[in-house]
């Protein structure tokens, strides 16, 4: 039986956060380039605006590349909104929570690289406990 470990709101972080950061980058560029005013933009301000906007777009493309994750038998099924991979639980080296972020993020490190790299991050369902039950479920599945 397939058990979902990730929360259904992962798409919000995947697409919503990156979209918001991209819009913020455009607004930053608009502000620093003095667009919408009668004055010509100053070169230094435009360069600063472009650099800040570029940083925000890079953050939008790399931050919280959250996955959807299910546990089914001896496999971890990972979906990144483009492709799905079945990963043997024996390939999992470590499961850890990233405690300084909220909502919690669970990081799964692999012994051998997968199509998603050496690790994946997913958001479990919301929980106020520091020791999230999803982590315990996954750790016990890996141990058995």
N, C-alpha and C. Protein backbone atom coordinates (compact mmCIF):
# COMPACT_ATOMS: atom_id res chain seq x y z
N UNK A 1 0.83 -1.17 0.00
CA UNK A 1 0.00 0.00 0.00
C UNK A 1 0.89 1.25 0.00
N UNK A 2 0.54 2.21 -0.82
CA UNK A 2 1.31 3.44 -0.95
C UNK A 2 0.92 4.43 0.14
N UNK A 3 1.95 4.94 0.85
CA UNK A 3 1.73 5.91 1.92
C UNK A 3 2.43 7.21 1.53
N UNK A 4 1.67 8.29 1.47
CA UNK A 4 2.28 9.58 1.11
C UNK A 4 2.99 10.17 2.32
N UNK A 5 4.25 10.52 2.12
CA UNK A 5 5.05 11.12 3.18
C UNK A 5 5.09 12.65 3.06
N UNK A 6 4.91 13.15 1.86
CA UNK A 6 4.99 14.59 1.64
C UNK A 6 3.62 15.23 1.73
N UNK A 7 3.62 16.52 1.95
CA UNK A 7 2.38 17.28 2.02
C UNK A 7 1.94 17.68 0.62
N UNK A 8 0.67 17.87 0.46
CA UNK A 8 0.15 18.22 -0.85
C UNK A 8 0.46 19.67 -1.24
N UNK A 9 0.94 20.48 -0.30
CA UNK A 9 1.23 21.88 -0.61
C UNK A 9 2.64 22.08 -1.17
N UNK A 10 3.37 21.03 -1.49
CA UNK A 10 4.72 21.16 -2.03
C UNK A 10 4.72 21.97 -3.33
N UNK A 11 3.67 21.85 -4.12
CA UNK A 11 3.60 22.60 -5.38
C UNK A 11 3.62 24.10 -5.13
N UNK A 12 3.06 24.52 -3.98
CA UNK A 12 3.05 25.94 -3.66
C UNK A 12 4.47 26.46 -3.51
N UNK A 13 5.32 25.70 -2.83
CA UNK A 13 6.72 26.10 -2.69
C UNK A 13 7.45 25.97 -4.00
N UNK A 14 7.13 24.93 -4.74
CA UNK A 14 7.82 24.69 -6.01
C UNK A 14 7.54 25.79 -7.01
N UNK A 15 6.28 26.17 -7.15
CA UNK A 15 5.90 27.15 -8.17
C UNK A 15 5.58 28.51 -7.59
N UNK A 16 4.90 28.57 -6.46
CA UNK A 16 4.50 29.84 -5.87
C UNK A 16 5.67 30.67 -5.41
N UNK A 17 6.59 30.04 -4.67
CA UNK A 17 7.75 30.78 -4.16
C UNK A 17 8.64 31.25 -5.29
N UNK A 18 8.89 30.39 -6.26
CA UNK A 18 9.75 30.81 -7.37
C UNK A 18 9.07 31.91 -8.19
N UNK A 19 7.76 31.84 -8.36
CA UNK A 19 7.04 32.90 -9.07
C UNK A 19 7.10 34.21 -8.32
N UNK A 20 6.93 34.14 -7.00
CA UNK A 20 6.99 35.35 -6.18
C UNK A 20 8.38 35.98 -6.24
N UNK A 21 9.42 35.16 -6.16
CA UNK A 21 10.78 35.69 -6.25
C UNK A 21 11.06 36.30 -7.62
N UNK A 22 10.52 35.71 -8.68
CA UNK A 22 10.69 36.26 -10.02
C UNK A 22 9.99 37.61 -10.14
N UNK A 23 8.76 37.71 -9.60
CA UNK A 23 8.06 38.99 -9.62
C UNK A 23 8.80 40.04 -8.80
N UNK A 24 9.37 39.62 -7.66
CA UNK A 24 10.15 40.53 -6.84
C UNK A 24 11.39 41.01 -7.60
N UNK A 25 11.99 40.12 -8.37
CA UNK A 25 13.16 40.51 -9.18
C UNK A 25 12.76 41.56 -10.21
N UNK A 26 11.62 41.39 -10.86
CA UNK A 26 11.16 42.38 -11.83
C UNK A 26 10.87 43.73 -11.15
N UNK A 27 10.24 43.68 -9.98
CA UNK A 27 9.94 44.91 -9.24
C UNK A 27 11.24 45.61 -8.81
N UNK A 28 12.23 44.83 -8.40
CA UNK A 28 13.52 45.40 -8.01
C UNK A 28 14.17 46.09 -9.20
N UNK A 29 14.16 45.43 -10.34
CA UNK A 29 14.73 46.03 -11.54
C UNK A 29 13.98 47.31 -11.92
N UNK A 30 12.66 47.27 -11.84
CA UNK A 30 11.83 48.44 -12.14
C UNK A 30 12.20 49.61 -11.22
N UNK A 31 12.36 49.32 -9.92
CA UNK A 31 12.68 50.36 -8.94
C UNK A 31 14.07 50.95 -9.19
N UNK A 32 15.07 50.09 -9.36
CA UNK A 32 16.44 50.58 -9.49
C UNK A 32 16.70 51.25 -10.84
N UNK A 33 15.94 50.89 -11.87
CA UNK A 33 16.15 51.51 -13.18
C UNK A 33 15.31 52.77 -13.34
N UNK A 34 14.62 53.18 -12.27
CA UNK A 34 13.77 54.37 -12.29
C UNK A 34 12.77 54.34 -13.45
N UNK A 35 12.23 53.17 -13.73
CA UNK A 35 11.24 53.07 -14.80
C UNK A 35 9.96 53.75 -14.36
N UNK A 36 9.26 54.33 -15.28
CA UNK A 36 8.02 55.01 -14.98
C UNK A 36 8.24 56.44 -14.52
N UNK A 37 9.50 56.91 -14.57
CA UNK A 37 9.77 58.30 -14.23
C UNK A 37 10.30 59.01 -15.48
N UNK A 38 10.35 60.32 -15.43
CA UNK A 38 10.83 61.11 -16.57
C UNK A 38 12.34 61.17 -16.64
N UNK A 39 13.01 60.81 -15.54
CA UNK A 39 14.47 60.91 -15.50
C UNK A 39 15.11 59.69 -16.13
N UNK A 40 16.22 59.88 -16.83
CA UNK A 40 16.94 58.71 -17.38
C UNK A 40 17.59 57.93 -16.23
N UNK A 41 17.62 56.60 -16.34
CA UNK A 41 18.19 55.80 -15.25
C UNK A 41 19.69 56.01 -15.13
N UNK A 42 20.19 55.95 -13.90
CA UNK A 42 21.62 56.05 -13.67
C UNK A 42 22.23 54.66 -13.86
N UNK A 43 23.36 54.62 -14.51
CA UNK A 43 23.99 53.33 -14.84
C UNK A 43 24.27 52.49 -13.60
N UNK A 44 24.77 53.11 -12.55
CA UNK A 44 25.08 52.37 -11.33
C UNK A 44 23.86 51.73 -10.71
N UNK A 45 22.76 52.47 -10.69
CA UNK A 45 21.52 51.93 -10.13
C UNK A 45 20.99 50.78 -10.98
N UNK A 46 21.11 50.90 -12.29
CA UNK A 46 20.65 49.83 -13.18
C UNK A 46 21.47 48.56 -12.95
N UNK A 47 22.77 48.73 -12.81
CA UNK A 47 23.64 47.56 -12.57
C UNK A 47 23.28 46.89 -11.26
N UNK A 48 23.08 47.68 -10.21
CA UNK A 48 22.68 47.11 -8.91
C UNK A 48 21.34 46.40 -9.05
N UNK A 49 20.39 47.03 -9.73
CA UNK A 49 19.08 46.40 -9.95
C UNK A 49 19.18 45.09 -10.70
N UNK A 50 20.01 45.05 -11.73
CA UNK A 50 20.18 43.82 -12.52
C UNK A 50 20.81 42.73 -11.66
N UNK A 51 21.82 43.09 -10.86
CA UNK A 51 22.47 42.09 -10.00
C UNK A 51 21.50 41.53 -8.96
N UNK A 52 20.74 42.43 -8.31
CA UNK A 52 19.77 41.96 -7.31
C UNK A 52 18.69 41.11 -7.96
N UNK A 53 18.21 41.51 -9.12
CA UNK A 53 17.18 40.74 -9.82
C UNK A 53 17.74 39.37 -10.23
N UNK A 54 18.98 39.33 -10.70
CA UNK A 54 19.59 38.06 -11.09
C UNK A 54 19.72 37.13 -9.88
N UNK A 55 20.12 37.70 -8.72
CA UNK A 55 20.21 36.88 -7.50
C UNK A 55 18.85 36.29 -7.14
N UNK A 56 17.81 37.09 -7.25
CA UNK A 56 16.47 36.62 -6.90
C UNK A 56 15.99 35.54 -7.86
N UNK A 57 16.30 35.67 -9.14
CA UNK A 57 15.90 34.64 -10.10
C UNK A 57 16.67 33.34 -9.84
N UNK A 58 17.97 33.46 -9.52
CA UNK A 58 18.75 32.26 -9.18
C UNK A 58 18.16 31.59 -7.95
N UNK A 59 17.82 32.37 -6.92
CA UNK A 59 17.17 31.81 -5.73
C UNK A 59 15.86 31.13 -6.10
N UNK A 60 15.09 31.77 -6.97
CA UNK A 60 13.79 31.21 -7.37
C UNK A 60 13.96 29.88 -8.07
N UNK A 61 15.03 29.71 -8.80
CA UNK A 61 15.24 28.46 -9.55
C UNK A 61 15.90 27.37 -8.72
N UNK A 62 16.53 27.72 -7.60
CA UNK A 62 17.26 26.71 -6.84
C UNK A 62 16.71 26.45 -5.45
N UNK A 63 15.98 27.38 -4.86
CA UNK A 63 15.55 27.26 -3.48
C UNK A 63 14.38 26.31 -3.36
N UNK A 64 14.47 25.42 -2.39
CA UNK A 64 13.37 24.51 -2.06
C UNK A 64 12.81 23.77 -3.26
N UNK A 65 13.64 23.03 -3.92
CA UNK A 65 13.18 22.22 -5.05
C UNK A 65 12.50 20.98 -4.48
N UNK A 66 11.39 21.22 -3.81
CA UNK A 66 10.68 20.18 -3.07
C UNK A 66 10.10 19.11 -3.98
N UNK A 67 10.04 17.91 -3.47
CA UNK A 67 9.52 16.76 -4.20
C UNK A 67 8.27 16.24 -3.50
N UNK A 68 7.51 15.44 -4.21
CA UNK A 68 6.43 14.66 -3.61
C UNK A 68 7.02 13.28 -3.37
N UNK A 69 6.75 12.69 -2.20
CA UNK A 69 7.38 11.43 -1.81
C UNK A 69 6.33 10.49 -1.24
N UNK A 70 6.42 9.21 -1.68
CA UNK A 70 5.57 8.15 -1.16
C UNK A 70 6.44 6.98 -0.74
N UNK A 71 5.94 6.22 0.21
CA UNK A 71 6.59 4.99 0.65
C UNK A 71 5.69 3.85 0.22
N UNK A 72 6.26 2.92 -0.56
CA UNK A 72 5.49 1.77 -1.03
C UNK A 72 6.36 0.53 -0.95
N UNK A 73 6.07 -0.29 0.05
CA UNK A 73 6.86 -1.51 0.25
C UNK A 73 8.30 -1.16 0.57
N UNK A 74 9.22 -1.66 -0.24
CA UNK A 74 10.65 -1.40 -0.02
C UNK A 74 11.17 -0.30 -0.95
N UNK A 75 10.27 0.52 -1.47
CA UNK A 75 10.65 1.58 -2.40
C UNK A 75 10.21 2.95 -1.89
N UNK A 76 11.01 3.93 -2.18
CA UNK A 76 10.66 5.32 -1.96
C UNK A 76 10.36 5.87 -3.35
N UNK A 77 9.17 6.36 -3.55
CA UNK A 77 8.77 6.90 -4.85
C UNK A 77 8.86 8.41 -4.75
N UNK A 78 9.65 8.99 -5.65
CA UNK A 78 9.91 10.43 -5.63
C UNK A 78 9.45 11.04 -6.94
N UNK A 79 8.71 12.13 -6.83
CA UNK A 79 8.17 12.83 -8.00
C UNK A 79 8.55 14.30 -7.90
N UNK A 80 9.15 14.83 -8.95
CA UNK A 80 9.58 16.23 -8.92
C UNK A 80 8.77 17.12 -9.86
N UNK A 81 7.53 16.71 -10.16
CA UNK A 81 6.61 17.43 -11.02
C UNK A 81 6.99 17.31 -12.49
N UNK A 82 8.06 16.58 -12.80
CA UNK A 82 8.46 16.29 -14.18
C UNK A 82 8.65 14.79 -14.40
N UNK A 83 9.29 14.15 -13.45
CA UNK A 83 9.59 12.72 -13.57
C UNK A 83 9.42 12.03 -12.24
N UNK A 84 9.25 10.71 -12.32
CA UNK A 84 9.08 9.88 -11.13
C UNK A 84 10.20 8.86 -11.08
N UNK A 85 10.69 8.59 -9.88
CA UNK A 85 11.73 7.58 -9.71
C UNK A 85 11.38 6.70 -8.52
N UNK A 86 11.64 5.41 -8.66
CA UNK A 86 11.51 4.48 -7.55
C UNK A 86 12.90 4.20 -7.02
N UNK A 87 13.11 4.48 -5.74
CA UNK A 87 14.42 4.34 -5.13
C UNK A 87 14.33 3.29 -4.03
N UNK A 88 15.21 2.32 -4.08
CA UNK A 88 15.23 1.26 -3.08
C UNK A 88 15.59 1.85 -1.71
N UNK A 89 14.88 1.42 -0.68
CA UNK A 89 15.14 1.94 0.68
C UNK A 89 16.56 1.64 1.14
N UNK A 90 17.18 0.59 0.60
CA UNK A 90 18.56 0.27 0.95
C UNK A 90 19.55 1.32 0.47
N UNK A 91 19.13 2.15 -0.47
CA UNK A 91 19.99 3.22 -0.98
C UNK A 91 19.95 4.46 -0.09
N UNK A 92 19.08 4.47 0.91
CA UNK A 92 18.98 5.64 1.79
C UNK A 92 20.04 5.55 2.87
N UNK A 93 20.86 6.57 2.93
CA UNK A 93 21.93 6.61 3.92
C UNK A 93 21.46 7.29 5.21
N UNK A 94 20.69 8.37 5.06
CA UNK A 94 20.33 9.17 6.22
C UNK A 94 19.04 9.93 5.95
N UNK A 95 18.24 10.09 6.99
CA UNK A 95 17.02 10.90 6.94
C UNK A 95 17.13 11.93 8.05
N UNK A 96 17.01 13.19 7.69
CA UNK A 96 17.14 14.24 8.71
C UNK A 96 16.13 15.34 8.46
N UNK A 97 15.77 16.01 9.53
CA UNK A 97 14.88 17.15 9.44
C UNK A 97 15.75 18.41 9.43
N UNK A 98 15.30 19.39 8.69
CA UNK A 98 15.99 20.67 8.66
C UNK A 98 15.23 21.58 9.64
N UNK A 99 15.65 21.62 10.92
CA UNK A 99 14.84 22.20 11.99
C UNK A 99 14.72 23.71 11.99
N UNK A 100 15.60 24.41 11.32
CA UNK A 100 15.57 25.86 11.38
C UNK A 100 14.63 26.48 10.35
N UNK A 101 13.95 25.64 9.60
CA UNK A 101 13.00 26.10 8.60
C UNK A 101 11.60 25.70 9.03
N UNK A 102 10.64 26.53 8.70
CA UNK A 102 9.26 26.15 8.91
C UNK A 102 8.48 26.52 7.68
N UNK A 103 7.67 25.69 7.11
CA UNK A 103 7.40 24.34 7.60
C UNK A 103 8.63 23.46 7.48
N UNK A 104 8.64 22.39 8.26
CA UNK A 104 9.78 21.48 8.28
C UNK A 104 10.08 20.96 6.89
N UNK A 105 11.34 20.74 6.64
CA UNK A 105 11.77 20.07 5.42
C UNK A 105 12.49 18.80 5.85
N UNK A 106 12.24 17.73 5.13
CA UNK A 106 12.92 16.47 5.40
C UNK A 106 13.91 16.25 4.27
N UNK A 107 15.14 15.97 4.65
CA UNK A 107 16.20 15.73 3.66
C UNK A 107 16.57 14.26 3.72
N UNK A 108 16.52 13.60 2.57
CA UNK A 108 16.87 12.19 2.46
C UNK A 108 18.16 12.10 1.64
N UNK A 109 19.23 11.59 2.28
CA UNK A 109 20.53 11.43 1.61
C UNK A 109 20.67 10.00 1.12
N UNK A 110 21.21 9.84 -0.09
CA UNK A 110 21.36 8.52 -0.71
C UNK A 110 22.82 8.07 -0.73
N UNK A 111 23.00 6.76 -0.68
CA UNK A 111 24.35 6.18 -0.78
C UNK A 111 24.88 6.33 -2.21
N UNK A 112 24.03 6.04 -3.17
CA UNK A 112 24.37 6.16 -4.59
C UNK A 112 23.50 7.26 -5.19
N UNK A 113 24.04 8.09 -6.08
CA UNK A 113 23.24 9.16 -6.68
C UNK A 113 22.04 8.58 -7.46
N UNK A 114 20.95 9.32 -7.43
CA UNK A 114 19.74 8.95 -8.17
C UNK A 114 19.56 9.96 -9.30
N UNK A 115 18.45 9.86 -10.00
CA UNK A 115 18.17 10.83 -11.06
C UNK A 115 17.98 12.24 -10.47
N UNK A 116 17.73 12.32 -9.17
CA UNK A 116 17.57 13.61 -8.51
C UNK A 116 18.84 14.06 -7.80
N UNK A 117 19.91 13.30 -7.91
CA UNK A 117 21.17 13.66 -7.26
C UNK A 117 21.40 12.84 -6.00
N UNK A 118 22.23 13.39 -5.11
CA UNK A 118 22.63 12.70 -3.88
C UNK A 118 21.59 12.80 -2.77
N UNK A 119 20.62 13.69 -2.91
CA UNK A 119 19.62 13.88 -1.87
C UNK A 119 18.36 14.50 -2.47
N UNK A 120 17.27 14.36 -1.72
CA UNK A 120 16.02 15.04 -2.05
C UNK A 120 15.47 15.69 -0.80
N UNK A 121 14.69 16.72 -1.00
CA UNK A 121 14.04 17.42 0.10
C UNK A 121 12.54 17.39 -0.16
N UNK A 122 11.78 17.14 0.90
CA UNK A 122 10.33 17.23 0.77
C UNK A 122 9.74 17.83 2.03
N UNK A 123 8.51 18.31 1.90
CA UNK A 123 7.78 18.88 3.01
C UNK A 123 6.80 17.85 3.53
N UNK A 124 6.94 17.42 4.78
CA UNK A 124 5.91 16.53 5.35
C UNK A 124 4.68 17.35 5.73
N UNK A 125 3.63 16.66 6.07
CA UNK A 125 2.43 17.38 6.54
C UNK A 125 2.79 18.23 7.75
N UNK A 126 2.04 19.29 7.94
CA UNK A 126 2.33 20.21 9.05
C UNK A 126 2.21 19.50 10.40
N UNK A 127 3.17 19.80 11.26
CA UNK A 127 3.20 19.20 12.59
C UNK A 127 3.97 20.14 13.50
N UNK A 128 3.49 20.31 14.72
CA UNK A 128 4.16 21.23 15.64
C UNK A 128 5.31 20.55 16.39
N UNK A 129 5.37 19.24 16.36
CA UNK A 129 6.41 18.50 17.06
C UNK A 129 7.75 18.64 16.34
N UNK A 130 8.84 18.70 17.11
CA UNK A 130 10.18 18.75 16.52
C UNK A 130 10.50 17.41 15.87
N UNK A 131 10.11 16.33 16.49
CA UNK A 131 10.33 14.99 15.93
C UNK A 131 9.10 14.62 15.12
N UNK A 132 9.16 14.90 13.85
CA UNK A 132 8.02 14.68 12.97
C UNK A 132 7.78 13.19 12.79
N UNK A 133 6.52 12.73 12.85
CA UNK A 133 6.22 11.31 12.71
C UNK A 133 6.63 10.73 11.35
N UNK A 134 6.67 11.54 10.32
CA UNK A 134 7.07 11.05 9.00
C UNK A 134 8.53 10.61 9.02
N UNK A 135 9.34 11.33 9.75
CA UNK A 135 10.77 10.96 9.84
C UNK A 135 10.92 9.61 10.53
N UNK A 136 10.17 9.43 11.61
CA UNK A 136 10.22 8.15 12.31
C UNK A 136 9.73 7.01 11.42
N UNK A 137 8.67 7.26 10.66
CA UNK A 137 8.14 6.25 9.74
C UNK A 137 9.19 5.87 8.71
N UNK A 138 9.82 6.86 8.12
CA UNK A 138 10.82 6.60 7.09
C UNK A 138 12.06 5.93 7.66
N UNK A 139 12.50 6.38 8.84
CA UNK A 139 13.67 5.75 9.46
C UNK A 139 13.41 4.28 9.81
N UNK A 140 12.22 3.99 10.32
CA UNK A 140 11.92 2.60 10.67
C UNK A 140 11.78 1.74 9.41
N UNK A 141 11.27 2.29 8.33
CA UNK A 141 11.18 1.55 7.06
C UNK A 141 12.55 1.26 6.50
N UNK A 142 13.47 2.20 6.62
CA UNK A 142 14.84 2.00 6.14
C UNK A 142 15.56 0.96 7.01
N UNK A 143 15.32 1.00 8.31
CA UNK A 143 15.98 0.07 9.23
C UNK A 143 15.52 -1.38 9.04
N UNK A 144 14.29 -1.58 8.59
CA UNK A 144 13.79 -2.96 8.46
C UNK A 144 14.12 -3.59 7.13
